[in-house]
C-alpha cells in the first residue's frame, strides 16, 4: 500500500485538484482539516499498532505465513476452479 500526502487549500467552490497519483488505480481519499492533523496521525499510529498486535499473522515467521497463504491459495482454487 502506497500512501500519498498532499497539503492543499480548497478553492472557493470547495474543489481541490491533485496530480501525481498512479493512473487507473482505485483510491481512497481522506480529507482532514489541518487543525485535526496531529489527532489523525496519533489515531493512525494507534490503529497500526493495534493491527500489528492483533493481526492473525502477528508473531508468525515468514515460513509460517507463507504456509498459511499457500493453504488459502489451494482452498480458493479448490472452491472456485476444481469443478
PDB file of N, CA and C in Angstrom:
ATOM      1  N   UNK A   1       0.850  -1.176   0.000  1.00  0.00           N
ATOM      2  CA  UNK A   1       0.000   0.000   0.000  1.00  0.00           C
ATOM      3  C   UNK A   1       0.886   1.227   0.000  1.00  0.00           C
ATOM      4  N   UNK A   2       0.633   2.100  -0.912  1.00  0.00           N
ATOM      5  CA  UNK A   2       1.370   3.361  -1.031  1.00  0.00           C
ATOM      6  C   UNK A   2       0.507   4.466  -0.438  1.00  0.00           C
ATOM      7  N   UNK A   3       1.104   5.351   0.316  1.00  0.00           N
ATOM      8  CA  UNK A   3       0.374   6.478   0.895  1.00  0.00           C
ATOM      9  C   UNK A   3       0.937   7.768   0.327  1.00  0.00           C
ATOM     10  N   UNK A   4       0.067   8.641  -0.095  1.00  0.00           N
ATOM     11  CA  UNK A   4       0.454   9.945  -0.614  1.00  0.00           C
ATOM     12  C   UNK A   4      -0.098  10.996   0.327  1.00  0.00           C
ATOM     13  N   UNK A   5       0.687  12.010   0.605  1.00  0.00           N
ATOM     14  CA  UNK A   5       0.244  13.105   1.463  1.00  0.00           C
ATOM     15  C   UNK A   5       0.271  14.390   0.652  1.00  0.00           C
ATOM     16  N   UNK A   6      -0.840  15.088   0.642  1.00  0.00           N
ATOM     17  CA  UNK A   6      -0.944  16.361  -0.047  1.00  0.00           C
ATOM     18  C   UNK A   6      -1.488  17.376   0.946  1.00  0.00           C
ATOM     19  N   UNK A   7      -0.926  18.543   0.947  1.00  0.00           N
ATOM     20  CA  UNK A   7      -1.457  19.625   1.763  1.00  0.00           C
ATOM     21  C   UNK A   7      -1.927  20.700   0.790  1.00  0.00           C
ATOM     22  N   UNK A   8      -3.220  20.808   0.633  1.00  0.00           N
ATOM     23  CA  UNK A   8      -3.815  21.719  -0.347  1.00  0.00           C
ATOM     24  C   UNK A   8      -4.925  22.512   0.328  1.00  0.00           C
ATOM     25  N   UNK A   9      -5.107  23.732  -0.105  1.00  0.00           N
ATOM     26  CA  UNK A   9      -6.243  24.534   0.336  1.00  0.00           C
ATOM     27  C   UNK A   9      -7.365  24.354  -0.684  1.00  0.00           C
ATOM     28  N   UNK A  10      -8.562  24.211  -0.202  1.00  0.00           N
ATOM     29  CA  UNK A  10      -9.711  24.065  -1.096  1.00  0.00           C
ATOM     30  C   UNK A  10      -9.995  25.401  -1.773  1.00  0.00           C
ATOM     31  N   UNK A  11     -10.414  25.329  -3.037  1.00  0.00           N
ATOM     32  CA  UNK A  11     -10.818  26.529  -3.765  1.00  0.00           C
ATOM     33  C   UNK A  11     -12.129  27.061  -3.183  1.00  0.00           C
ATOM     34  N   UNK A  12     -12.530  28.228  -3.612  1.00  0.00           N
ATOM     35  CA  UNK A  12     -13.759  28.848  -3.095  1.00  0.00           C
ATOM     36  C   UNK A  12     -14.991  27.966  -3.290  1.00  0.00           C
ATOM     37  N   UNK A  13     -14.966  27.158  -4.342  1.00  0.00           N
ATOM     38  CA  UNK A  13     -16.109  26.278  -4.595  1.00  0.00           C
ATOM     39  C   UNK A  13     -15.984  24.935  -3.869  1.00  0.00           C
ATOM     40  N   UNK A  14     -14.943  24.787  -3.063  1.00  0.00           N
ATOM     41  CA  UNK A  14     -14.749  23.558  -2.294  1.00  0.00           C
ATOM     42  C   UNK A  14     -13.982  22.482  -3.041  1.00  0.00           C
ATOM     43  N   UNK A  15     -13.501  22.780  -4.226  1.00  0.00           N
ATOM     44  CA  UNK A  15     -12.788  21.774  -5.008  1.00  0.00           C
ATOM     45  C   UNK A  15     -11.290  21.824  -4.752  1.00  0.00           C
ATOM     46  N   UNK A  16     -10.637  20.702  -5.022  1.00  0.00           N
ATOM     47  CA  UNK A  16      -9.187  20.585  -4.902  1.00  0.00           C
ATOM     48  C   UNK A  16      -8.717  19.753  -6.093  1.00  0.00           C
ATOM     49  N   UNK A  17      -7.620  20.152  -6.713  1.00  0.00           N
ATOM     50  CA  UNK A  17      -7.028  19.396  -7.808  1.00  0.00           C
ATOM     51  C   UNK A  17      -5.678  18.879  -7.353  1.00  0.00           C
ATOM     52  N   UNK A  18      -5.470  17.578  -7.522  1.00  0.00           N
ATOM     53  CA  UNK A  18      -4.173  16.983  -7.195  1.00  0.00           C
ATOM     54  C   UNK A  18      -3.698  16.175  -8.399  1.00  0.00           C
ATOM     55  N   UNK A  19      -2.395  16.023  -8.507  1.00  0.00           N
ATOM     56  CA  UNK A  19      -1.823  15.233  -9.593  1.00  0.00           C
ATOM     57  C   UNK A  19      -0.711  14.380  -9.015  1.00  0.00           C
ATOM     58  N   UNK A  20      -0.165  13.524  -9.840  1.00  0.00           N
ATOM     59  CA  UNK A  20       0.926  12.670  -9.399  1.00  0.00           C
ATOM     60  C   UNK A  20       0.461  11.365  -8.789  1.00  0.00           C
ATOM     61  N   UNK A  21      -0.812  11.038  -8.954  1.00  0.00           N
ATOM     62  CA  UNK A  21      -1.330   9.776  -8.435  1.00  0.00           C
ATOM     63  C   UNK A  21      -1.159   8.681  -9.478  1.00  0.00           C
ATOM     64  N   UNK A  22      -1.150   7.413  -9.046  1.00  0.00           N
ATOM     65  CA  UNK A  22      -0.979   6.328 -10.013  1.00  0.00           C
ATOM     66  C   UNK A  22      -2.187   6.258 -10.955  1.00  0.00           C
ATOM     67  N   UNK A  23      -1.953   6.137 -12.252  1.00  0.00           N
ATOM     68  CA  UNK A  23      -3.071   6.089 -13.197  1.00  0.00           C
ATOM     69  C   UNK A  23      -3.875   4.795 -13.071  1.00  0.00           C
ATOM     70  N   UNK A  24      -5.154   4.913 -13.304  1.00  0.00           N
ATOM     71  CA  UNK A  24      -6.071   3.760 -13.357  1.00  0.00           C
ATOM     72  C   UNK A  24      -6.116   2.966 -12.061  1.00  0.00           C
ATOM     73  N   UNK A  25      -5.866   3.588 -10.953  1.00  0.00           N
ATOM     74  CA  UNK A  25      -5.943   2.918  -9.658  1.00  0.00           C
ATOM     75  C   UNK A  25      -7.168   3.408  -8.908  1.00  0.00           C
ATOM     76  N   UNK A  26      -7.811   2.512  -8.187  1.00  0.00           N
ATOM     77  CA  UNK A  26      -8.896   2.920  -7.301  1.00  0.00           C
ATOM     78  C   UNK A  26      -8.253   3.479  -6.038  1.00  0.00           C
ATOM     79  N   UNK A  27      -8.713   4.634  -5.599  1.00  0.00           N
ATOM     80  CA  UNK A  27      -8.106   5.332  -4.464  1.00  0.00           C
ATOM     81  C   UNK A  27      -9.150   5.600  -3.389  1.00  0.00           C
ATOM     82  N   UNK A  28      -8.685   5.680  -2.169  1.00  0.00           N
ATOM     83  CA  UNK A  28      -9.495   6.159  -1.063  1.00  0.00           C
ATOM     84  C   UNK A  28      -8.895   7.482  -0.641  1.00  0.00           C
ATOM     85  N   UNK A  29      -9.708   8.513  -0.615  1.00  0.00           N
ATOM     86  CA  UNK A  29      -9.219   9.840  -0.264  1.00  0.00           C
ATOM     87  C   UNK A  29      -9.842  10.249   1.055  1.00  0.00           C
ATOM     88  N   UNK A  30      -9.003  10.608   1.997  1.00  0.00           N
ATOM     89  CA  UNK A  30      -9.423  11.031   3.321  1.00  0.00           C
ATOM     90  C   UNK A  30      -9.128  12.516   3.446  1.00  0.00           C
ATOM     91  N   UNK A  31     -10.137  13.311   3.773  1.00  0.00           N
ATOM     92  CA  UNK A  31      -9.968  14.759   3.879  1.00  0.00           C
ATOM     93  C   UNK A  31     -10.058  15.137   5.356  1.00  0.00           C
ATOM     94  N   UNK A  32      -9.004  15.807   5.829  1.00  0.00           N
ATOM     95  CA  UNK A  32      -8.952  16.241   7.221  1.00  0.00           C
ATOM     96  C   UNK A  32      -8.586  17.709   7.282  1.00  0.00           C
ATOM     97  N   UNK A  33      -9.252  18.462   8.131  1.00  0.00           N
ATOM     98  CA  UNK A  33      -8.816  19.846   8.316  1.00  0.00           C
ATOM     99  C   UNK A  33      -7.429  19.854   8.959  1.00  0.00           C
ATOM    100  N   UNK A  34      -6.608  20.814   8.588  1.00  0.00           N
ATOM    101  CA  UNK A  34      -5.252  20.887   9.139  1.00  0.00           C
ATOM    102  C   UNK A  34      -5.251  20.946  10.655  1.00  0.00           C
ATOM    103  N   UNK A  35      -6.284  21.513  11.232  1.00  0.00           N
ATOM    104  CA  UNK A  35      -6.338  21.622  12.690  1.00  0.00           C
ATOM    105  C   UNK A  35      -6.419  20.252  13.358  1.00  0.00           C
ATOM    106  N   UNK A  36      -6.887  19.215  12.653  1.00  0.00           N
ATOM    107  CA  UNK A  36      -7.000  17.883  13.231  1.00  0.00           C
ATOM    108  C   UNK A  36      -5.888  16.948  12.826  1.00  0.00           C
ATOM    109  N   UNK A  37      -4.829  17.470  12.201  1.00  0.00           N
ATOM    110  CA  UNK A  37      -3.775  16.623  11.667  1.00  0.00           C
ATOM    111  C   UNK A  37      -3.057  15.822  12.752  1.00  0.00           C
ATOM    112  N   UNK A  38      -2.716  16.427  13.870  1.00  0.00           N
ATOM    113  CA  UNK A  38      -1.999  15.713  14.923  1.00  0.00           C
ATOM    114  C   UNK A  38      -2.864  14.590  15.478  1.00  0.00           C
ATOM    115  N   UNK A  39      -4.130  14.880  15.707  1.00  0.00           N
ATOM    116  CA  UNK A  39      -5.050  13.870  16.233  1.00  0.00           C
ATOM    117  C   UNK A  39      -5.151  12.697  15.244  1.00  0.00           C
ATOM    118  N   UNK A  40      -5.233  12.988  13.958  1.00  0.00           N
ATOM    119  CA  UNK A  40      -5.327  11.954  12.933  1.00  0.00           C
ATOM    120  C   UNK A  40      -4.074  11.094  12.924  1.00  0.00           C
ATOM    121  N   UNK A  41      -2.909  11.731  12.993  1.00  0.00           N
ATOM    122  CA  UNK A  41      -1.657  10.976  12.990  1.00  0.00           C
ATOM    123  C   UNK A  41      -1.586  10.034  14.184  1.00  0.00           C
ATOM    124  N   UNK A  42      -2.006  10.487  15.343  1.00  0.00           N
ATOM    125  CA  UNK A  42      -1.992   9.645  16.535  1.00  0.00           C
ATOM    126  C   UNK A  42      -2.968   8.480  16.394  1.00  0.00           C
ATOM    127  N   UNK A  43      -4.162   8.750  15.848  1.00  0.00           N
ATOM    128  CA  UNK A  43      -5.142   7.677  15.666  1.00  0.00           C
ATOM    129  C   UNK A  43      -4.631   6.643  14.667  1.00  0.00           C
ATOM    130  N   UNK A  44      -3.987   7.096  13.597  1.00  0.00           N
ATOM    131  CA  UNK A  44      -3.434   6.159  12.624  1.00  0.00           C
ATOM    132  C   UNK A  44      -2.325   5.316  13.251  1.00  0.00           C
ATOM    133  N   UNK A  45      -1.489   5.943  14.072  1.00  0.00           N
ATOM    134  CA  UNK A  45      -0.417   5.215  14.740  1.00  0.00           C
ATOM    135  C   UNK A  45      -1.005   4.151  15.677  1.00  0.00           C
ATOM    136  N   UNK A  46      -2.049   4.515  16.424  1.00  0.00           N
ATOM    137  CA  UNK A  46      -2.699   3.559  17.319  1.00  0.00           C
ATOM    138  C   UNK A  46      -3.331   2.410  16.532  1.00  0.00           C
ATOM    139  N   UNK A  47      -3.965   2.754  15.400  1.00  0.00           N
ATOM    140  CA  UNK A  47      -4.607   1.738  14.578  1.00  0.00           C
ATOM    141  C   UNK A  47      -3.572   0.757  14.033  1.00  0.00           C
ATOM    142  N   UNK A  48      -2.447   1.272  13.540  1.00  0.00           N
ATOM    143  CA  UNK A  48      -1.400   0.400  13.003  1.00  0.00           C
ATOM    144  C   UNK A  48      -0.795  -0.481  14.100  1.00  0.00           C
ATOM    145  N   UNK A  49      -0.591   0.070  15.281  1.00  0.00           N
ATOM    146  CA  UNK A  49      -0.072  -0.732  16.393  1.00  0.00           C
ATOM    147  C   UNK A  49      -1.053  -1.834  16.767  1.00  0.00           C
ATOM    148  N   UNK A  50      -2.347  -1.503  16.791  1.00  0.00           N
ATOM    149  CA  UNK A  50      -3.373  -2.492  17.103  1.00  0.00           C
ATOM    150  C   UNK A  50      -3.407  -3.578  16.031  1.00  0.00           C
ATOM    151  N   UNK A  51      -3.301  -3.177  14.785  1.00  0.00           N
ATOM    152  CA  UNK A  51      -3.288  -4.136  13.688  1.00  0.00           C
ATOM    153  C   UNK A  51      -2.096  -5.081  13.809  1.00  0.00           C
ATOM    154  N   UNK A  52      -0.933  -4.536  14.059  1.00  0.00           N
ATOM    155  CA  UNK A  52       0.275  -5.366  14.200  1.00  0.00           C
ATOM    156  C   UNK A  52       0.150  -6.341  15.364  1.00  0.00           C
ATOM    157  N   UNK A  53      -0.527  -5.923  16.420  1.00  0.00           N
ATOM    158  CA  UNK A  53      -0.657  -6.754  17.611  1.00  0.00           C
ATOM    159  C   UNK A  53      -1.698  -7.853  17.442  1.00  0.00           C
ATOM    160  N   UNK A  54      -2.806  -7.561  16.749  1.00  0.00           N
ATOM    161  CA  UNK A  54      -3.930  -8.498  16.698  1.00  0.00           C
ATOM    162  C   UNK A  54      -4.125  -9.189  15.352  1.00  0.00           C
ATOM    163  N   UNK A  55      -3.332  -8.862  14.361  1.00  0.00           N
ATOM    164  CA  UNK A  55      -3.480  -9.497  13.047  1.00  0.00           C
ATOM    165  C   UNK A  55      -3.169 -10.986  13.172  1.00  0.00           C
ATOM    166  N   UNK A  56      -3.899 -11.840  12.428  1.00  0.00           N
ATOM    167  CA  UNK A  56      -3.638 -13.280  12.527  1.00  0.00           C
ATOM    168  C   UNK A  56      -2.186 -13.666  12.227  1.00  0.00           C
ATOM    169  N   UNK A  57      -1.469 -12.881  11.436  1.00  0.00           N
ATOM    170  CA  UNK A  57      -0.084 -13.198  11.125  1.00  0.00           C
ATOM    171  C   UNK A  57       0.901 -12.595  12.128  1.00  0.00           C
ATOM    172  N   UNK A  58       0.412 -11.815  13.071  1.00  0.00           N
ATOM    173  CA  UNK A  58       1.303 -11.188  14.051  1.00  0.00           C
ATOM    174  C   UNK A  58       2.028 -12.277  14.841  1.00  0.00           C
ATOM    175  N   UNK A  59       3.301 -12.152  14.949  1.00  0.00           N
ATOM    176  CA  UNK A  59       4.096 -13.109  15.711  1.00  0.00           C
ATOM    177  C   UNK A  59       4.518 -14.337  14.922  1.00  0.00           C
ATOM    178  N   UNK A  60       4.028 -14.467  13.679  1.00  0.00           N
ATOM    179  CA  UNK A  60       4.435 -15.605  12.851  1.00  0.00           C
ATOM    180  C   UNK A  60       5.705 -15.244  12.088  1.00  0.00           C
ATOM    181  N   UNK A  61       6.476 -16.253  11.821  1.00  0.00           N
ATOM    182  CA  UNK A  61       7.646 -16.061  10.980  1.00  0.00           C
ATOM    183  C   UNK A  61       7.267 -16.151   9.510  1.00  0.00           C
ATOM    184  N   UNK A  62       8.206 -15.820   8.652  1.00  0.00           N
ATOM    185  CA  UNK A  62       7.966 -15.814   7.216  1.00  0.00           C
ATOM    186  C   UNK A  62       7.484 -17.176   6.715  1.00  0.00           C
ATOM    187  N   UNK A  63       8.136 -18.249   7.122  1.00  0.00           N
ATOM    188  CA  UNK A  63       7.769 -19.577   6.634  1.00  0.00           C
ATOM    189  C   UNK A  63       6.347 -19.960   7.041  1.00  0.00           C
ATOM    190  N   UNK A  64       5.975 -19.630   8.250  1.00  0.00           N
ATOM    191  CA  UNK A  64       4.621 -19.950   8.726  1.00  0.00           C
ATOM    192  C   UNK A  64       3.566 -19.138   7.974  1.00  0.00           C
ATOM    193  N   UNK A  65       3.845 -17.870   7.746  1.00  0.00           N
ATOM    194  CA  UNK A  65       2.914 -17.026   6.982  1.00  0.00           C
ATOM    195  C   UNK A  65       2.766 -17.569   5.565  1.00  0.00           C
ATOM    196  N   UNK A  66       3.878 -17.898   4.920  1.00  0.00           N
ATOM    197  CA  UNK A  66       3.813 -18.444   3.564  1.00  0.00           C
ATOM    198  C   UNK A  66       3.054 -19.762   3.520  1.00  0.00           C
ATOM    199  N   UNK A  67       3.204 -20.589   4.533  1.00  0.00           N
ATOM    200  CA  UNK A  67       2.464 -21.848   4.607  1.00  0.00           C
ATOM    201  C   UNK A  67       0.955 -21.585   4.661  1.00  0.00           C
ATOM    202  N   UNK A  68       0.539 -20.610   5.468  1.00  0.00           N
ATOM    203  CA  UNK A  68      -0.885 -20.246   5.550  1.00  0.00           C
ATOM    204  C   UNK A  68      -1.393 -19.690   4.224  1.00  0.00           C
ATOM    205  N   UNK A  69      -0.601 -18.844   3.579  1.00  0.00           N
ATOM    206  CA  UNK A  69      -1.019 -18.274   2.303  1.00  0.00           C
ATOM    207  C   UNK A  69      -1.145 -19.345   1.223  1.00  0.00           C
ATOM    208  N   UNK A  70      -0.227 -20.302   1.210  1.00  0.00           N
ATOM    209  CA  UNK A  70      -0.317 -21.394   0.239  1.00  0.00           C
ATOM    210  C   UNK A  70      -1.566 -22.233   0.477  1.00  0.00           C
ATOM    211  N   UNK A  71      -1.866 -22.492   1.743  1.00  0.00           N
ATOM    212  CA  UNK A  71      -3.064 -23.268   2.084  1.00  0.00           C
ATOM    213  C   UNK A  71      -4.314 -22.529   1.611  1.00  0.00           C
ATOM    214  N   UNK A  72      -4.373 -21.228   1.853  1.00  0.00           N
ATOM    215  CA  UNK A  72      -5.515 -20.435   1.419  1.00  0.00           C
ATOM    216  C   UNK A  72      -5.615 -20.460  -0.100  1.00  0.00           C
ATOM    217  N   UNK A  73      -4.502 -20.334  -0.783  1.00  0.00           N
ATOM    218  CA  UNK A  73      -4.499 -20.374  -2.243  1.00  0.00           C
ATOM    219  C   UNK A  73      -5.082 -21.690  -2.732  1.00  0.00           C
ATOM    220  N   UNK A  74      -4.678 -22.795  -2.136  1.00  0.00           N
ATOM    221  CA  UNK A  74      -5.196 -24.101  -2.529  1.00  0.00           C
ATOM    222  C   UNK A  74      -6.691 -24.217  -2.258  1.00  0.00           C
ATOM    223  N   UNK A  75      -7.144 -23.691  -1.113  1.00  0.00           N
ATOM    224  CA  UNK A  75      -8.567 -23.744  -0.779  1.00  0.00           C
ATOM    225  C   UNK A  75      -9.398 -22.930  -1.764  1.00  0.00           C
ATOM    226  N   UNK A  76      -8.908 -21.768  -2.139  1.00  0.00           N
ATOM    227  CA  UNK A  76      -9.623 -20.931  -3.102  1.00  0.00           C
ATOM    228  C   UNK A  76      -9.676 -21.630  -4.455  1.00  0.00           C
ATOM    229  N   UNK A  77      -8.571 -22.230  -4.880  1.00  0.00           N
ATOM    230  CA  UNK A  77      -8.566 -22.920  -6.166  1.00  0.00           C
ATOM    231  C   UNK A  77      -9.568 -24.066  -6.155  1.00  0.00           C
ATOM    232  N   UNK A  78      -9.556 -24.857  -5.101  1.00  0.00           N
ATOM    233  CA  UNK A  78     -10.494 -25.982  -4.992  1.00  0.00           C
ATOM    234  C   UNK A  78     -11.945 -25.490  -5.059  1.00  0.00           C
ATOM    235  N   UNK A  79     -12.237 -24.443  -4.344  1.00  0.00           N
ATOM    236  CA  UNK A  79     -13.608 -23.927  -4.285  1.00  0.00           C
ATOM    237  C   UNK A  79     -14.048 -23.343  -5.619  1.00  0.00           C
ATOM    238  N   UNK A  80     -13.179 -22.594  -6.277  1.00  0.00           N
ATOM    239  CA  UNK A  80     -13.580 -21.839  -7.458  1.00  0.00           C
ATOM    240  C   UNK A  80     -13.339 -22.540  -8.797  1.00  0.00           C
ATOM    241  N   UNK A  81     -12.295 -23.381  -8.879  1.00  0.00           N
ATOM    242  CA  UNK A  81     -11.881 -23.858 -10.180  1.00  0.00           C
ATOM    243  C   UNK A  81     -11.802 -25.377 -10.328  1.00  0.00           C
ATOM    244  N   UNK A  82     -11.913 -26.122  -9.291  1.00  0.00           N
ATOM    245  CA  UNK A  82     -11.693 -27.558  -9.358  1.00  0.00           C
ATOM    246  C   UNK A  82     -12.908 -28.345  -9.854  1.00  0.00           C
ATOM    247  N   UNK A  83     -13.924 -27.692 -10.282  1.00  0.00           N
ATOM    248  CA  UNK A  83     -15.160 -28.384 -10.697  1.00  0.00           C
ATOM    249  C   UNK A  83     -14.953 -29.168 -11.943  1.00  0.00           C
TER     250      UNK A  83
END
